[in-house]
PDB file of all heavy atoms in Angstrom:
ATOM      1  N   SER A   1     105.941 102.911 106.437  1.00  0.00           N
ATOM      2  CA  SER A   1     104.899 103.428 105.557  1.00  0.00           C
ATOM      3  C   SER A   1     103.603 103.680 106.308  1.00  0.00           C
ATOM      4  O   SER A   1     102.876 104.630 106.008  1.00  0.00           O
ATOM      5  CB  SER A   1     104.653 102.444 104.407  1.00  0.00           C
ATOM      6  OG  SER A   1     104.249 101.177 104.904  1.00  0.00           O
ATOM      7  N   ILE A   2     103.291 102.830 107.291  1.00  0.00           N
ATOM      8  CA  ILE A   2     102.078 103.031 108.081  1.00  0.00           C
ATOM      9  C   ILE A   2     102.204 104.313 108.892  1.00  0.00           C
ATOM     10  O   ILE A   2     101.277 105.135 108.937  1.00  0.00           O
ATOM     11  CB  ILE A   2     101.834 101.833 109.017  1.00  0.00           C
ATOM     12  CG1 ILE A   2     101.633 100.562 108.194  1.00  0.00           C
ATOM     13  CG2 ILE A   2     100.633 102.080 109.919  1.00  0.00           C
ATOM     14  CD1 ILE A   2     101.542  99.303 109.019  1.00  0.00           C
ATOM     15  N   TRP A   3     103.368 104.486 109.518  1.00  0.00           N
ATOM     16  CA  TRP A   3     103.597 105.696 110.299  1.00  0.00           C
ATOM     17  C   TRP A   3     103.492 106.939 109.425  1.00  0.00           C
ATOM     18  O   TRP A   3     102.868 107.934 109.807  1.00  0.00           O
ATOM     19  CB  TRP A   3     104.969 105.612 110.965  1.00  0.00           C
ATOM     20  CG  TRP A   3     105.322 106.801 111.816  1.00  0.00           C
ATOM     21  CD1 TRP A   3     104.996 107.011 113.110  1.00  0.00           C
ATOM     22  CD2 TRP A   3     106.081 107.937 111.398  1.00  0.00           C
ATOM     23  NE1 TRP A   3     105.506 108.209 113.548  1.00  0.00           N
ATOM     24  CE2 TRP A   3     106.169 108.807 112.515  1.00  0.00           C
ATOM     25  CE3 TRP A   3     106.688 108.313 110.193  1.00  0.00           C
ATOM     26  CZ2 TRP A   3     106.849 110.019 112.468  1.00  0.00           C
ATOM     27  CZ3 TRP A   3     107.367 109.528 110.148  1.00  0.00           C
ATOM     28  CH2 TRP A   3     107.439 110.361 111.269  1.00  0.00           C
ATOM     29  N   ALA A   4     104.083 106.888 108.229  1.00  0.00           N
ATOM     30  CA  ALA A   4     104.071 108.047 107.337  1.00  0.00           C
ATOM     31  C   ALA A   4     102.655 108.406 106.900  1.00  0.00           C
ATOM     32  O   ALA A   4     102.352 109.581 106.658  1.00  0.00           O
ATOM     33  CB  ALA A   4     104.942 107.764 106.113  1.00  0.00           C
ATOM     34  N   THR A   5     101.776 107.403 106.785  1.00  0.00           N
ATOM     35  CA  THR A   5     100.403 107.656 106.364  1.00  0.00           C
ATOM     36  C   THR A   5      99.667 108.551 107.353  1.00  0.00           C
ATOM     37  O   THR A   5      98.818 109.353 106.969  1.00  0.00           O
ATOM     38  CB  THR A   5      99.629 106.329 106.212  1.00  0.00           C
ATOM     39  OG1 THR A   5     100.295 105.511 105.254  1.00  0.00           O
ATOM     40  CG2 THR A   5      98.195 106.566 105.762  1.00  0.00           C
ATOM     41  N   PHE A   6     100.006 108.440 108.625  1.00  0.00           N
ATOM     42  CA  PHE A   6      99.254 109.151 109.642  1.00  0.00           C
ATOM     43  C   PHE A   6     100.086 110.179 110.406  1.00  0.00           C
ATOM     44  O   PHE A   6      99.675 110.654 111.462  1.00  0.00           O
ATOM     45  CB  PHE A   6      98.662 108.152 110.647  1.00  0.00           C
ATOM     46  CG  PHE A   6      97.706 107.184 110.022  1.00  0.00           C
ATOM     47  CD1 PHE A   6      98.089 105.877 109.777  1.00  0.00           C
ATOM     48  CD2 PHE A   6      96.445 107.587 109.649  1.00  0.00           C
ATOM     49  CE1 PHE A   6      97.208 104.974 109.196  1.00  0.00           C
ATOM     50  CE2 PHE A   6      95.558 106.699 109.060  1.00  0.00           C
ATOM     51  CZ  PHE A   6      95.941 105.390 108.833  1.00  0.00           C
ATOM     52  N   ALA A   7     101.245 110.534 109.892  1.00  0.00           N
ATOM     53  CA  ALA A   7     102.116 111.484 110.580  1.00  0.00           C
ATOM     54  C   ALA A   7     102.466 112.651 109.665  1.00  0.00           C
ATOM     55  O   ALA A   7     102.433 112.544 108.443  1.00  0.00           O
ATOM     56  CB  ALA A   7     103.398 110.791 111.050  1.00  0.00           C
ATOM     57  N   GLY A   8     102.821 113.755 110.270  1.00  0.00           N
ATOM     58  CA  GLY A   8     103.296 114.910 109.521  1.00  0.00           C
ATOM     59  C   GLY A   8     102.284 115.421 108.521  1.00  0.00           C
ATOM     60  O   GLY A   8     101.078 115.455 108.759  1.00  0.00           O
ATOM     61  N   SER A   9     102.774 115.840 107.359  1.00  0.00           N
ATOM     62  CA  SER A   9     101.907 116.428 106.339  1.00  0.00           C
ATOM     63  C   SER A   9     100.963 115.408 105.718  1.00  0.00           C
ATOM     64  O   SER A   9      99.988 115.775 105.074  1.00  0.00           O
ATOM     65  CB  SER A   9     102.767 117.067 105.236  1.00  0.00           C
ATOM     66  OG  SER A   9     103.585 116.077 104.617  1.00  0.00           O
ATOM     67  N   GLN A  10     101.267 114.101 105.897  1.00  0.00           N
ATOM     68  CA  GLN A  10     100.407 113.063 105.336  1.00  0.00           C
ATOM     69  C   GLN A  10      99.151 112.832 106.172  1.00  0.00           C
ATOM     70  O   GLN A  10      98.189 112.247 105.701  1.00  0.00           O
ATOM     71  CB  GLN A  10     101.190 111.744 105.233  1.00  0.00           C
ATOM     72  CG  GLN A  10     102.435 111.828 104.376  1.00  0.00           C
ATOM     73  CD  GLN A  10     102.109 112.060 102.918  1.00  0.00           C
ATOM     74  OE1 GLN A  10     101.141 111.532 102.412  1.00  0.00           O
ATOM     75  NE2 GLN A  10     102.918 112.872 102.262  1.00  0.00           N
ATOM     76  N   ARG A  11      99.167 113.273 107.422  1.00  0.00           N
ATOM     77  CA  ARG A  11      98.077 112.959 108.336  1.00  0.00           C
ATOM     78  C   ARG A  11      96.799 113.682 107.934  1.00  0.00           C
ATOM     79  O   ARG A  11      96.794 114.885 107.728  1.00  0.00           O
ATOM     80  CB  ARG A  11      98.451 113.357 109.767  1.00  0.00           C
ATOM     81  CG  ARG A  11      97.346 113.092 110.790  1.00  0.00           C
ATOM     82  CD  ARG A  11      97.760 113.562 112.164  1.00  0.00           C
ATOM     83  NE  ARG A  11      98.095 114.977 112.186  1.00  0.00           N
ATOM     84  CZ  ARG A  11      97.192 115.955 112.239  1.00  0.00           C
ATOM     85  NH1 ARG A  11      95.913 115.675 112.258  1.00  0.00           N
ATOM     86  NH2 ARG A  11      97.594 117.198 112.256  1.00  0.00           N
ATOM     87  N   PRO A  12      95.677 112.956 107.850  1.00  0.00           N
ATOM     88  CA  PRO A  12      94.394 113.608 107.573  1.00  0.00           C
ATOM     89  C   PRO A  12      94.042 114.585 108.697  1.00  0.00           C
ATOM     90  O   PRO A  12      94.416 114.382 109.850  1.00  0.00           O
ATOM     91  CB  PRO A  12      93.396 112.433 107.536  1.00  0.00           C
ATOM     92  CG  PRO A  12      94.234 111.218 107.301  1.00  0.00           C
ATOM     93  CD  PRO A  12      95.556 111.499 107.952  1.00  0.00           C
ATOM     94  N   ASP A  13      93.317 115.656 108.351  1.00  0.00           N
ATOM     95  CA  ASP A  13      93.050 116.686 109.350  1.00  0.00           C
ATOM     96  C   ASP A  13      91.952 116.308 110.329  1.00  0.00           C
ATOM     97  O   ASP A  13      91.580 117.100 111.181  1.00  0.00           O
ATOM     98  CB  ASP A  13      92.711 118.019 108.665  1.00  0.00           C
ATOM     99  CG  ASP A  13      91.535 117.899 107.711  1.00  0.00           C
ATOM    100  OD1 ASP A  13      90.859 116.849 107.716  1.00  0.00           O
ATOM    101  OD2 ASP A  13      91.278 118.870 106.973  1.00  0.00           O
ATOM    102  N   TRP A  14      91.427 115.067 110.218  1.00  0.00           N
ATOM    103  CA  TRP A  14      90.421 114.628 111.177  1.00  0.00           C
ATOM    104  C   TRP A  14      90.978 113.583 112.138  1.00  0.00           C
ATOM    105  O   TRP A  14      90.239 112.985 112.912  1.00  0.00           O
ATOM    106  CB  TRP A  14      89.169 114.066 110.482  1.00  0.00           C
ATOM    107  CG  TRP A  14      89.396 113.463 109.131  1.00  0.00           C
ATOM    108  CD1 TRP A  14      89.186 114.059 107.921  1.00  0.00           C
ATOM    109  CD2 TRP A  14      89.866 112.134 108.830  1.00  0.00           C
ATOM    110  NE1 TRP A  14      89.509 113.205 106.900  1.00  0.00           N
ATOM    111  CE2 TRP A  14      89.915 112.018 107.414  1.00  0.00           C
ATOM    112  CE3 TRP A  14      90.247 111.049 109.612  1.00  0.00           C
ATOM    113  CZ2 TRP A  14      90.338 110.850 106.786  1.00  0.00           C
ATOM    114  CZ3 TRP A  14      90.666 109.890 108.988  1.00  0.00           C
ATOM    115  CH2 TRP A  14      90.707 109.802 107.586  1.00  0.00           C
ATOM    116  N   LEU A  15      92.288 113.384 112.116  1.00  0.00           N
ATOM    117  CA  LEU A  15      92.927 112.409 113.003  1.00  0.00           C
ATOM    118  C   LEU A  15      94.053 113.055 113.799  1.00  0.00           C
ATOM    119  O   LEU A  15      94.703 113.985 113.330  1.00  0.00           O
ATOM    120  CB  LEU A  15      93.513 111.246 112.210  1.00  0.00           C
ATOM    121  CG  LEU A  15      92.622 110.086 111.781  1.00  0.00           C
ATOM    122  CD1 LEU A  15      93.459 109.062 111.031  1.00  0.00           C
ATOM    123  CD2 LEU A  15      91.921 109.440 112.957  1.00  0.00           C
ATOM    124  N   ARG A  16      94.303 112.516 114.988  1.00  0.00           N
ATOM    125  CA  ARG A  16      95.486 112.863 115.766  1.00  0.00           C
ATOM    126  C   ARG A  16      96.222 111.576 116.086  1.00  0.00           C
ATOM    127  O   ARG A  16      95.657 110.658 116.675  1.00  0.00           O
ATOM    128  CB  ARG A  16      95.092 113.568 117.079  1.00  0.00           C
ATOM    129  CG  ARG A  16      96.278 113.838 118.009  1.00  0.00           C
ATOM    130  CD  ARG A  16      95.867 114.619 119.242  1.00  0.00           C
ATOM    131  NE  ARG A  16      94.936 113.883 120.083  1.00  0.00           N
ATOM    132  CZ  ARG A  16      95.297 112.977 120.975  1.00  0.00           C
ATOM    133  NH1 ARG A  16      96.586 112.652 121.115  1.00  0.00           N
ATOM    134  NH2 ARG A  16      94.398 112.368 121.717  1.00  0.00           N
ATOM    135  N   LEU A  17      97.480 111.471 115.666  1.00  0.00           N
ATOM    136  CA  LEU A  17      98.274 110.279 115.950  1.00  0.00           C
ATOM    137  C   LEU A  17      98.635 110.297 117.426  1.00  0.00           C
ATOM    138  O   LEU A  17      99.522 111.027 117.867  1.00  0.00           O
ATOM    139  CB  LEU A  17      99.524 110.248 115.081  1.00  0.00           C
ATOM    140  CG  LEU A  17     100.423 109.011 115.245  1.00  0.00           C
ATOM    141  CD1 LEU A  17      99.632 107.725 115.044  1.00  0.00           C
ATOM    142  CD2 LEU A  17     101.591 109.069 114.260  1.00  0.00           C
ATOM    143  N   ASP A  18      97.933 109.487 118.216  1.00  0.00           N
ATOM    144  CA  ASP A  18      98.109 109.492 119.659  1.00  0.00           C
ATOM    145  C   ASP A  18      99.411 108.809 120.060  1.00  0.00           C
ATOM    146  O   ASP A  18     100.064 109.222 121.014  1.00  0.00           O
ATOM    147  CB  ASP A  18      96.920 108.779 120.326  1.00  0.00           C
ATOM    148  CG  ASP A  18      96.968 108.854 121.835  1.00  0.00           C
ATOM    149  OD1 ASP A  18      96.845 109.979 122.364  1.00  0.00           O
ATOM    150  OD2 ASP A  18      97.136 107.810 122.489  1.00  0.00           O
ATOM    151  N   GLY A  19      99.783 107.760 119.345  1.00  0.00           N
ATOM    152  CA  GLY A  19     101.019 107.079 119.687  1.00  0.00           C
ATOM    153  C   GLY A  19     101.181 105.781 118.924  1.00  0.00           C
ATOM    154  O   GLY A  19     100.228 105.260 118.340  1.00  0.00           O
ATOM    155  N   VAL A  20     102.403 105.272 118.933  1.00  0.00           N
ATOM    156  CA  VAL A  20     102.725 103.988 118.311  1.00  0.00           C
ATOM    157  C   VAL A  20     103.217 103.062 119.419  1.00  0.00           C
ATOM    158  O   VAL A  20     104.193 103.373 120.107  1.00  0.00           O
ATOM    159  CB  VAL A  20     103.808 104.130 117.223  1.00  0.00           C
ATOM    160  CG1 VAL A  20     104.084 102.778 116.566  1.00  0.00           C
ATOM    161  CG2 VAL A  20     103.379 105.153 116.173  1.00  0.00           C
ATOM    162  N   THR A  21     102.526 101.928 119.596  1.00  0.00           N
ATOM    163  CA  THR A  21     102.883 100.958 120.626  1.00  0.00           C
ATOM    164  C   THR A  21     103.389  99.682 119.957  1.00  0.00           C
ATOM    165  O   THR A  21     102.738  99.158 119.063  1.00  0.00           O
ATOM    166  CB  THR A  21     101.672 100.622 121.517  1.00  0.00           C
ATOM    167  OG1 THR A  21     101.237 101.813 122.172  1.00  0.00           O
ATOM    168  CG2 THR A  21     102.029  99.577 122.559  1.00  0.00           C
ATOM    169  N   CYS A  22     104.540  99.201 120.383  1.00  0.00           N
ATOM    170  CA  CYS A  22     105.120  97.971 119.837  1.00  0.00           C
ATOM    171  C   CYS A  22     105.124  96.896 120.920  1.00  0.00           C
ATOM    172  O   CYS A  22     105.641  97.115 122.014  1.00  0.00           O
ATOM    173  CB  CYS A  22     106.545  98.218 119.343  1.00  0.00           C
ATOM    174  SG  CYS A  22     107.361  96.733 118.692  1.00  0.00           S
ATOM    175  N   VAL A  23     104.544  95.732 120.599  1.00  0.00           N
ATOM    176  CA  VAL A  23     104.532  94.598 121.516  1.00  0.00           C
ATOM    177  C   VAL A  23     105.681  93.663 121.140  1.00  0.00           C
ATOM    178  O   VAL A  23     105.828  93.285 119.972  1.00  0.00           O
ATOM    179  CB  VAL A  23     103.192  93.841 121.469  1.00  0.00           C
ATOM    180  CG1 VAL A  23     103.170  92.716 122.503  1.00  0.00           C
ATOM    181  CG2 VAL A  23     102.031  94.804 121.719  1.00  0.00           C
ATOM    182  N   VAL A  24     106.490  93.275 122.125  1.00  0.00           N
ATOM    183  CA  VAL A  24     107.675  92.450 121.899  1.00  0.00           C
ATOM    184  C   VAL A  24     107.550  91.152 122.686  1.00  0.00           C
ATOM    185  O   VAL A  24     107.190  91.177 123.872  1.00  0.00           O
ATOM    186  CB  VAL A  24     108.950  93.202 122.329  1.00  0.00           C
ATOM    187  CG1 VAL A  24     110.172  92.292 122.272  1.00  0.00           C
ATOM    188  CG2 VAL A  24     109.165  94.435 121.463  1.00  0.00           C
ATOM    189  N   ASP A  25     107.836  90.029 122.043  1.00  0.00           N
ATOM    190  CA  ASP A  25     107.939  88.745 122.739  1.00  0.00           C
ATOM    191  C   ASP A  25     109.321  88.714 123.389  1.00  0.00           C
ATOM    192  O   ASP A  25     110.323  88.415 122.739  1.00  0.00           O
ATOM    193  CB  ASP A  25     107.774  87.589 121.748  1.00  0.00           C
ATOM    194  CG  ASP A  25     107.791  86.222 122.431  1.00  0.00           C
ATOM    195  OD1 ASP A  25     108.302  86.122 123.563  1.00  0.00           O
ATOM    196  OD2 ASP A  25     107.314  85.254 121.815  1.00  0.00           O
ATOM    197  N   THR A  26     109.366  89.024 124.669  1.00  0.00           N
ATOM    198  CA  THR A  26     110.650  89.161 125.353  1.00  0.00           C
ATOM    199  C   THR A  26     111.467  87.877 125.322  1.00  0.00           C
ATOM    200  O   THR A  26     112.698  87.907 125.179  1.00  0.00           O
ATOM    201  CB  THR A  26     110.424  89.597 126.812  1.00  0.00           C
ATOM    202  OG1 THR A  26     109.508  90.704 126.843  1.00  0.00           O
ATOM    203  CG2 THR A  26     111.728  90.008 127.469  1.00  0.00           C
ATOM    204  N   GLU A  27     110.793  86.750 125.418  1.00  0.00           N
ATOM    205  CA  GLU A  27     111.491  85.465 125.463  1.00  0.00           C
ATOM    206  C   GLU A  27     112.071  85.090 124.111  1.00  0.00           C
ATOM    207  O   GLU A  27     113.147  84.490 124.022  1.00  0.00           O
ATOM    208  CB  GLU A  27     110.533  84.374 125.931  1.00  0.00           C
ATOM    209  CG  GLU A  27     111.196  83.004 126.066  1.00  0.00           C
ATOM    210  CD  GLU A  27     110.191  81.885 126.303  1.00  0.00           C
ATOM    211  OE1 GLU A  27     109.050  82.004 125.832  1.00  0.00           O
ATOM    212  OE2 GLU A  27     110.562  80.893 126.955  1.00  0.00           O
ATOM    213  N   GLN A  28     111.376  85.452 123.009  1.00  0.00           N
ATOM    214  CA  GLN A  28     111.733  84.948 121.686  1.00  0.00           C
ATOM    215  C   GLN A  28     112.331  86.002 120.751  1.00  0.00           C
ATOM    216  O   GLN A  28     112.568  85.705 119.582  1.00  0.00           O
ATOM    217  CB  GLN A  28     110.476  84.369 120.999  1.00  0.00           C
ATOM    218  CG  GLN A  28     109.812  83.235 121.758  1.00  0.00           C
ATOM    219  CD  GLN A  28     110.617  81.951 121.717  1.00  0.00           C
ATOM    220  OE1 GLN A  28     111.376  81.717 120.786  1.00  0.00           O
ATOM    221  NE2 GLN A  28     110.465  81.125 122.748  1.00  0.00           N
ATOM    222  N   ILE A  29     112.592  87.191 121.241  1.00  0.00           N
ATOM    223  CA  ILE A  29     112.999  88.266 120.333  1.00  0.00           C
ATOM    224  C   ILE A  29     114.278  87.958 119.568  1.00  0.00           C
ATOM    225  O   ILE A  29     114.443  88.368 118.421  1.00  0.00           O
ATOM    226  CB  ILE A  29     113.147  89.599 121.109  1.00  0.00           C
ATOM    227  CG1 ILE A  29     113.396  90.753 120.126  1.00  0.00           C
ATOM    228  CG2 ILE A  29     114.227  89.512 122.166  1.00  0.00           C
ATOM    229  CD1 ILE A  29     113.364  92.113 120.765  1.00  0.00           C
ATOM    230  N   PHE A  30     115.189  87.199 120.159  1.00  0.00           N
ATOM    231  CA  PHE A  30     116.455  86.905 119.484  1.00  0.00           C
ATOM    232  C   PHE A  30     116.496  85.504 118.877  1.00  0.00           C
ATOM    233  O   PHE A  30     117.562  85.029 118.476  1.00  0.00           O
ATOM    234  CB  PHE A  30     117.622  87.072 120.461  1.00  0.00           C
ATOM    235  CG  PHE A  30     117.784  88.474 120.983  1.00  0.00           C
ATOM    236  CD1 PHE A  30     117.772  88.724 122.352  1.00  0.00           C
ATOM    237  CD2 PHE A  30     117.938  89.546 120.117  1.00  0.00           C
ATOM    238  CE1 PHE A  30     117.925  90.008 122.845  1.00  0.00           C
ATOM    239  CE2 PHE A  30     118.079  90.835 120.597  1.00  0.00           C
ATOM    240  CZ  PHE A  30     118.069  91.071 121.967  1.00  0.00           C
TER     241      PHE A  30
END
């Protein structure tokens, strides 16, 4: 839902979605 708010036709015309970065705890992911 967060991505949809700022992507495609939903994106306000004063913003550019530069990217989505995900931080992962490599040791604890599983």
